[in-house]
Amino acid sequence: MNALHQYLFDTYRADRLGEPMPPAPGTHDVAVLRSVRDRRRFERVMAGRPVRGGLRTALRRLLQPRARRPPGGSRE
């Protein structure tokens, strides 16, 4: 059974019992994604990290070639 079948069963049951209709599948998806985004921003602020640029920084770190260190592990 998928989400549409469950929705149809719930709608039928609500109609028979005189209860309010349930929301259609996917109705609140955007609100959920926004709340997840806001929560992550809040956690970044509380951790003292910048709110914007996290994805861009991570992608840059993955895509840029790393600088090679000289042999022996000495840093300049």
PDB file of N, CA and C in Angstrom:
ATOM      1  N   MET A   1       0.850  -1.169   0.000  1.00  0.00           N
ATOM      2  CA  MET A   1       0.000   0.000   0.000  1.00  0.00           C
ATOM      3  C   MET A   1       0.900   1.238   0.000  1.00  0.00           C
ATOM      4  N   ASN A   2       0.591   2.164  -0.875  1.00  0.00           N
ATOM      5  CA  ASN A   2       1.381   3.388  -0.915  1.00  0.00           C
ATOM      6  C   ASN A   2       0.631   4.517  -0.213  1.00  0.00           C
ATOM      7  N   ALA A   3       1.201   5.703  -0.252  1.00  0.00           N
ATOM      8  CA  ALA A   3       0.623   6.841   0.470  1.00  0.00           C
ATOM      9  C   ALA A   3      -0.740   7.232  -0.096  1.00  0.00           C
ATOM     10  N   LEU A   4      -0.932   7.098  -1.404  1.00  0.00           N
ATOM     11  CA  LEU A   4      -2.220   7.452  -2.000  1.00  0.00           C
ATOM     12  C   LEU A   4      -3.317   6.495  -1.544  1.00  0.00           C
ATOM     13  N   HIS A   5      -3.015   5.197  -1.505  1.00  0.00           N
ATOM     14  CA  HIS A   5      -4.007   4.224  -1.021  1.00  0.00           C
ATOM     15  C   HIS A   5      -4.385   4.513   0.430  1.00  0.00           C
ATOM     16  N   GLN A   6      -3.402   4.777   1.255  1.00  0.00           N
ATOM     17  CA  GLN A   6      -3.680   5.068   2.660  1.00  0.00           C
ATOM     18  C   GLN A   6      -4.533   6.329   2.783  1.00  0.00           C
ATOM     19  N   TYR A   7      -4.218   7.336   1.963  1.00  0.00           N
ATOM     20  CA  TYR A   7      -4.994   8.578   1.982  1.00  0.00           C
ATOM     21  C   TYR A   7      -6.457   8.308   1.600  1.00  0.00           C
ATOM     22  N   LEU A   8      -6.671   7.485   0.571  1.00  0.00           N
ATOM     23  CA  LEU A   8      -8.037   7.174   0.152  1.00  0.00           C
ATOM     24  C   LEU A   8      -8.790   6.427   1.249  1.00  0.00           C
ATOM     25  N   PHE A   9      -8.139   5.481   1.914  1.00  0.00           N
ATOM     26  CA  PHE A   9      -8.783   4.778   3.036  1.00  0.00           C
ATOM     27  C   PHE A   9      -9.124   5.743   4.163  1.00  0.00           C
ATOM     28  N   ASP A  10      -8.183   6.626   4.498  1.00  0.00           N
ATOM     29  CA  ASP A  10      -8.417   7.583   5.585  1.00  0.00           C
ATOM     30  C   ASP A  10      -9.525   8.570   5.235  1.00  0.00           C
ATOM     31  N   THR A  11      -9.585   8.978   3.963  1.00  0.00           N
ATOM     32  CA  THR A  11     -10.641   9.887   3.522  1.00  0.00           C
ATOM     33  C   THR A  11     -12.009   9.217   3.613  1.00  0.00           C
ATOM     34  N   TYR A  12     -12.075   7.969   3.178  1.00  0.00           N
ATOM     35  CA  TYR A  12     -13.331   7.220   3.251  1.00  0.00           C
ATOM     36  C   TYR A  12     -13.773   7.054   4.711  1.00  0.00           C
ATOM     37  N   ARG A  13     -12.839   6.683   5.568  1.00  0.00           N
ATOM     38  CA  ARG A  13     -13.163   6.491   6.986  1.00  0.00           C
ATOM     39  C   ARG A  13     -13.619   7.798   7.626  1.00  0.00           C
ATOM     40  N   ALA A  14     -12.927   8.895   7.300  1.00  0.00           N
ATOM     41  CA  ALA A  14     -13.302  10.190   7.869  1.00  0.00           C
ATOM     42  C   ALA A  14     -14.692  10.607   7.396  1.00  0.00           C
ATOM     43  N   ASP A  15     -15.001  10.337   6.150  1.00  0.00           N
ATOM     44  CA  ASP A  15     -16.319  10.683   5.620  1.00  0.00           C
ATOM     45  C   ASP A  15     -17.413   9.867   6.321  1.00  0.00           C
ATOM     46  N   ARG A  16     -17.155   8.588   6.520  1.00  0.00           N
ATOM     47  CA  ARG A  16     -18.148   7.706   7.161  1.00  0.00           C
ATOM     48  C   ARG A  16     -18.369   8.072   8.630  1.00  0.00           C
ATOM     49  N   LEU A  17     -17.307   8.523   9.311  1.00  0.00           N
ATOM     50  CA  LEU A  17     -17.397   8.828  10.737  1.00  0.00           C
ATOM     51  C   LEU A  17     -17.690  10.306  11.011  1.00  0.00           C
ATOM     52  N   GLY A  18     -17.757  11.108   9.962  1.00  0.00           N
ATOM     53  CA  GLY A  18     -18.028  12.524  10.145  1.00  0.00           C
ATOM     54  C   GLY A  18     -16.856  13.306  10.709  1.00  0.00           C
ATOM     55  N   GLU A  19     -15.655  12.809  10.528  1.00  0.00           N
ATOM     56  CA  GLU A  19     -14.450  13.476  11.009  1.00  0.00           C
ATOM     57  C   GLU A  19     -13.896  14.393   9.914  1.00  0.00           C
ATOM     58  N   PRO A  20     -13.011  15.319  10.270  1.00  0.00           N
ATOM     59  CA  PRO A  20     -12.401  16.173   9.228  1.00  0.00           C
ATOM     60  C   PRO A  20     -11.498  15.340   8.316  1.00  0.00           C
ATOM     61  N   MET A  21     -11.439  15.761   7.056  1.00  0.00           N
ATOM     62  CA  MET A  21     -10.632  15.048   6.064  1.00  0.00           C
ATOM     63  C   MET A  21      -9.149  15.217   6.360  1.00  0.00           C
ATOM     64  N   PRO A  22      -8.344  14.180   6.157  1.00  0.00           N
ATOM     65  CA  PRO A  22      -6.895  14.312   6.353  1.00  0.00           C
ATOM     66  C   PRO A  22      -6.279  15.119   5.209  1.00  0.00           C
ATOM     67  N   PRO A  23      -5.130  15.717   5.454  1.00  0.00           N
ATOM     68  CA  PRO A  23      -4.471  16.458   4.364  1.00  0.00           C
ATOM     69  C   PRO A  23      -3.962  15.488   3.298  1.00  0.00           C
ATOM     70  N   ALA A  24      -3.956  15.947   2.070  1.00  0.00           N
ATOM     71  CA  ALA A  24      -3.469  15.119   0.964  1.00  0.00           C
ATOM     72  C   ALA A  24      -1.979  14.863   1.118  1.00  0.00           C
ATOM     73  N   PRO A  25      -1.485  13.734   0.612  1.00  0.00           N
ATOM     74  CA  PRO A  25      -0.050  13.451   0.693  1.00  0.00           C
ATOM     75  C   PRO A  25       0.769  14.545   0.002  1.00  0.00           C
ATOM     76  N   GLY A  26       1.809  15.004   0.676  1.00  0.00           N
ATOM     77  CA  GLY A  26       2.685  16.015   0.109  1.00  0.00           C
ATOM     78  C   GLY A  26       2.267  17.436   0.417  1.00  0.00           C
ATOM     79  N   THR A  27       1.159  17.612   1.142  1.00  0.00           N
ATOM     80  CA  THR A  27       0.665  18.954   1.428  1.00  0.00           C
ATOM     81  C   THR A  27       1.657  19.755   2.260  1.00  0.00           C
ATOM     82  N   HIS A  28       2.290  19.128   3.225  1.00  0.00           N
ATOM     83  CA  HIS A  28       3.153  19.843   4.161  1.00  0.00           C
ATOM     84  C   HIS A  28       4.644  19.612   3.899  1.00  0.00           C
ATOM     85  N   ASP A  29       4.988  19.076   2.737  1.00  0.00           N
ATOM     86  CA  ASP A  29       6.392  18.765   2.449  1.00  0.00           C
ATOM     87  C   ASP A  29       7.283  20.007   2.487  1.00  0.00           C
ATOM     88  N   VAL A  30       6.834  21.094   1.902  1.00  0.00           N
ATOM     89  CA  VAL A  30       7.649  22.309   1.856  1.00  0.00           C
ATOM     90  C   VAL A  30       7.860  22.857   3.267  1.00  0.00           C
ATOM     91  N   ALA A  31       6.810  22.815   4.084  1.00  0.00           N
ATOM     92  CA  ALA A  31       6.934  23.310   5.462  1.00  0.00           C
ATOM     93  C   ALA A  31       7.925  22.459   6.252  1.00  0.00           C
ATOM     94  N   VAL A  32       7.915  21.156   6.035  1.00  0.00           N
ATOM     95  CA  VAL A  32       8.854  20.273   6.737  1.00  0.00           C
ATOM     96  C   VAL A  32      10.284  20.573   6.311  1.00  0.00           C
ATOM     97  N   LEU A  33      10.505  20.749   5.009  1.00  0.00           N
ATOM     98  CA  LEU A  33      11.854  21.059   4.526  1.00  0.00           C
ATOM     99  C   LEU A  33      12.341  22.398   5.073  1.00  0.00           C
ATOM    100  N   ARG A  34      11.443  23.385   5.156  1.00  0.00           N
ATOM    101  CA  ARG A  34      11.833  24.679   5.725  1.00  0.00           C
ATOM    102  C   ARG A  34      12.216  24.542   7.193  1.00  0.00           C
ATOM    103  N   SER A  35      11.442  23.757   7.941  1.00  0.00           N
ATOM    104  CA  SER A  35      11.755  23.614   9.364  1.00  0.00           C
ATOM    105  C   SER A  35      13.082  22.885   9.567  1.00  0.00           C
ATOM    106  N   VAL A  36      13.387  21.914   8.710  1.00  0.00           N
ATOM    107  CA  VAL A  36      14.688  21.227   8.792  1.00  0.00           C
ATOM    108  C   VAL A  36      15.807  22.214   8.495  1.00  0.00           C
ATOM    109  N   ARG A  37      15.627  23.040   7.450  1.00  0.00           N
ATOM    110  CA  ARG A  37      16.636  24.049   7.105  1.00  0.00           C
ATOM    111  C   ARG A  37      16.839  25.036   8.250  1.00  0.00           C
ATOM    112  N   ASP A  38      15.738  25.505   8.846  1.00  0.00           N
ATOM    113  CA  ASP A  38      15.836  26.457   9.950  1.00  0.00           C
ATOM    114  C   ASP A  38      16.521  25.841  11.159  1.00  0.00           C
ATOM    115  N   ARG A  39      16.230  24.579  11.431  1.00  0.00           N
ATOM    116  CA  ARG A  39      16.858  23.898  12.573  1.00  0.00           C
ATOM    117  C   ARG A  39      18.366  23.789  12.361  1.00  0.00           C
ATOM    118  N   ARG A  40      18.765  23.428  11.139  1.00  0.00           N
ATOM    119  CA  ARG A  40      20.200  23.315  10.846  1.00  0.00           C
ATOM    120  C   ARG A  40      20.896  24.668  10.959  1.00  0.00           C
ATOM    121  N   ARG A  41      20.232  25.725  10.496  1.00  0.00           N
ATOM    122  CA  ARG A  41      20.816  27.070  10.631  1.00  0.00           C
ATOM    123  C   ARG A  41      20.976  27.438  12.095  1.00  0.00           C
ATOM    124  N   PHE A  42      19.954  27.129  12.893  1.00  0.00           N
ATOM    125  CA  PHE A  42      20.014  27.419  14.324  1.00  0.00           C
ATOM    126  C   PHE A  42      21.173  26.675  14.980  1.00  0.00           C
ATOM    127  N   GLU A  43      21.334  25.398  14.639  1.00  0.00           N
ATOM    128  CA  GLU A  43      22.420  24.613  15.217  1.00  0.00           C
ATOM    129  C   GLU A  43      23.782  25.175  14.810  1.00  0.00           C
ATOM    130  N   ARG A  44      23.909  25.659  13.576  1.00  0.00           N
ATOM    131  CA  ARG A  44      25.174  26.253  13.134  1.00  0.00           C
ATOM    132  C   ARG A  44      25.472  27.524  13.916  1.00  0.00           C
ATOM    133  N   VAL A  45      24.450  28.343  14.158  1.00  0.00           N
ATOM    134  CA  VAL A  45      24.648  29.575  14.921  1.00  0.00           C
ATOM    135  C   VAL A  45      25.075  29.246  16.341  1.00  0.00           C
ATOM    136  N   MET A  46      24.416  28.269  16.952  1.00  0.00           N
ATOM    137  CA  MET A  46      24.736  27.904  18.330  1.00  0.00           C
ATOM    138  C   MET A  46      26.135  27.308  18.442  1.00  0.00           C
ATOM    139  N   ALA A  47      26.624  26.680  17.368  1.00  0.00           N
ATOM    140  CA  ALA A  47      27.964  26.103  17.371  1.00  0.00           C
ATOM    141  C   ALA A  47      29.028  27.132  16.997  1.00  0.00           C
ATOM    142  N   GLY A  48      28.606  28.350  16.643  1.00  0.00           N
ATOM    143  CA  GLY A  48      29.559  29.395  16.302  1.00  0.00           C
ATOM    144  C   GLY A  48      30.090  29.306  14.881  1.00  0.00           C
ATOM    145  N   ARG A  49      29.395  28.586  14.025  1.00  0.00           N
ATOM    146  CA  ARG A  49      29.814  28.479  12.630  1.00  0.00           C
ATOM    147  C   ARG A  49      28.983  29.426  11.781  1.00  0.00           C
ATOM    148  N   PRO A  50      29.489  29.819  10.606  1.00  0.00           N
ATOM    149  CA  PRO A  50      28.706  30.706   9.743  1.00  0.00           C
ATOM    150  C   PRO A  50      27.443  30.006   9.253  1.00  0.00           C
ATOM    151  N   VAL A  51      26.381  30.767   9.127  1.00  0.00           N
ATOM    152  CA  VAL A  51      25.099  30.190   8.729  1.00  0.00           C
ATOM    153  C   VAL A  51      25.097  29.848   7.252  1.00  0.00           C
ATOM    154  N   ARG A  52      25.683  30.691   6.439  1.00  0.00           N
ATOM    155  CA  ARG A  52      25.667  30.456   4.995  1.00  0.00           C
ATOM    156  C   ARG A  52      27.025  29.970   4.523  1.00  0.00           C
ATOM    157  N   GLY A  53      26.993  29.234   3.424  1.00  0.00           N
ATOM    158  CA  GLY A  53      28.232  28.832   2.780  1.00  0.00           C
ATOM    159  C   GLY A  53      28.730  27.451   3.180  1.00  0.00           C
ATOM    160  N   GLY A  54      27.997  26.714   3.979  1.00  0.00           N
ATOM    161  CA  GLY A  54      28.462  25.396   4.400  1.00  0.00           C
ATOM    162  C   GLY A  54      28.550  24.411   3.255  1.00  0.00           C
ATOM    163  N   LEU A  55      27.532  24.374   2.412  1.00  0.00           N
ATOM    164  CA  LEU A  55      27.525  23.459   1.273  1.00  0.00           C
ATOM    165  C   LEU A  55      28.596  23.845   0.268  1.00  0.00           C
ATOM    166  N   ARG A  56      28.692  25.134   0.003  1.00  0.00           N
ATOM    167  CA  ARG A  56      29.683  25.616  -0.957  1.00  0.00           C
ATOM    168  C   ARG A  56      31.103  25.306  -0.476  1.00  0.00           C
ATOM    169  N   THR A  57      31.350  25.508   0.803  1.00  0.00           N
ATOM    170  CA  THR A  57      32.674  25.228   1.362  1.00  0.00           C
ATOM    171  C   THR A  57      32.993  23.740   1.288  1.00  0.00           C
ATOM    172  N   ALA A  58      32.021  22.901   1.597  1.00  0.00           N
ATOM    173  CA  ALA A  58      32.248  21.458   1.544  1.00  0.00           C
ATOM    174  C   ALA A  58      32.522  20.999   0.120  1.00  0.00           C
ATOM    175  N   LEU A  59      31.776  21.520  -0.838  1.00  0.00           N
ATOM    176  CA  LEU A  59      32.010  21.150  -2.235  1.00  0.00           C
ATOM    177  C   LEU A  59      33.373  21.632  -2.717  1.00  0.00           C
ATOM    178  N   ARG A  60      33.755  22.841  -2.323  1.00  0.00           N
ATOM    179  CA  ARG A  60      35.061  23.366  -2.720  1.00  0.00           C
ATOM    180  C   ARG A  60      36.167  22.486  -2.151  1.00  0.00           C
ATOM    181  N   ARG A  61      36.009  22.050  -0.905  1.00  0.00           N
ATOM    182  CA  ARG A  61      37.013  21.208  -0.265  1.00  0.00           C
ATOM    183  C   ARG A  61      37.140  19.869  -0.993  1.00  0.00           C
ATOM    184  N   LEU A  62      36.013  19.339  -1.468  1.00  0.00           N
ATOM    185  CA  LEU A  62      36.053  18.058  -2.166  1.00  0.00           C
ATOM    186  C   LEU A  62      36.606  18.174  -3.585  1.00  0.00           C
ATOM    187  N   LEU A  63      36.302  19.280  -4.248  1.00  0.00           N
ATOM    188  CA  LEU A  63      36.643  19.391  -5.662  1.00  0.00           C
ATOM    189  C   LEU A  63      38.019  19.979  -5.933  1.00  0.00           C
ATOM    190  N   GLN A  64      38.559  20.770  -5.015  1.00  0.00           N
ATOM    191  CA  GLN A  64      39.868  21.359  -5.237  1.00  0.00           C
ATOM    192  C   GLN A  64      40.959  20.347  -4.910  1.00  0.00           C
ATOM    193  N   PRO A  65      41.983  20.307  -5.761  1.00  0.00           N
ATOM    194  CA  PRO A  65      43.104  19.417  -5.439  1.00  0.00           C
ATOM    195  C   PRO A  65      43.841  19.936  -4.203  1.00  0.00           C
ATOM    196  N   ARG A  66      44.283  19.024  -3.393  1.00  0.00           N
ATOM    197  CA  ARG A  66      44.986  19.416  -2.160  1.00  0.00           C
ATOM    198  C   ARG A  66      46.424  19.789  -2.463  1.00  0.00           C
ATOM    199  N   ALA A  67      46.914  20.758  -1.714  1.00  0.00           N
ATOM    200  CA  ALA A  67      48.314  21.166  -1.867  1.00  0.00           C
ATOM    201  C   ALA A  67      49.206  20.058  -1.326  1.00  0.00           C
ATOM    202  N   ARG A  68      50.241  19.745  -2.050  1.00  0.00           N
ATOM    203  CA  ARG A  68      51.146  18.682  -1.617  1.00  0.00           C
ATOM    204  C   ARG A  68      52.119  19.229  -0.597  1.00  0.00           C
ATOM    205  N   ARG A  69      52.334  18.469   0.450  1.00  0.00           N
ATOM    206  CA  ARG A  69      53.295  18.848   1.474  1.00  0.00           C
ATOM    207  C   ARG A  69      54.677  18.317   1.101  1.00  0.00           C
ATOM    208  N   PRO A  70      55.699  19.026   1.500  1.00  0.00           N
ATOM    209  CA  PRO A  70      57.053  18.536   1.212  1.00  0.00           C
ATOM    210  C   PRO A  70      57.338  17.252   2.008  1.00  0.00           C
ATOM    211  N   PRO A  71      58.202  16.386   1.504  1.00  0.00           N
ATOM    212  CA  PRO A  71      58.524  15.154   2.228  1.00  0.00           C
ATOM    213  C   PRO A  71      59.100  15.457   3.611  1.00  0.00           C
ATOM    214  N   GLY A  72      58.834  14.595   4.538  1.00  0.00           N
ATOM    215  CA  GLY A  72      59.346  14.766   5.892  1.00  0.00           C
ATOM    216  C   GLY A  72      58.316  15.410   6.798  1.00  0.00           C
ATOM    217  N   GLY A  73      57.230  15.877   6.261  1.00  0.00           N
ATOM    218  CA  GLY A  73      56.160  16.416   7.078  1.00  0.00           C
ATOM    219  C   GLY A  73      56.404  17.780   7.659  1.00  0.00           C
ATOM    220  N   SER A  74      57.470  18.479   7.231  1.00  0.00           N
ATOM    221  CA  SER A  74      57.732  19.811   7.771  1.00  0.00           C
ATOM    222  C   SER A  74      56.806  20.815   7.119  1.00  0.00           C
ATOM    223  N   ARG A  75      56.360  21.758   7.928  1.00  0.00           N
ATOM    224  CA  ARG A  75      55.485  22.794   7.407  1.00  0.00           C
ATOM    225  C   ARG A  75      56.278  24.084   7.296  1.00  0.00           C
ATOM    226  N   GLU A  76      55.968  24.867   6.325  1.00  0.00           N
ATOM    227  CA  GLU A  76      56.697  26.125   6.142  1.00  0.00           C
ATOM    228  C   GLU A  76      56.048  27.239   6.870  1.00  0.00           C
TER     229      GLU A  76
END
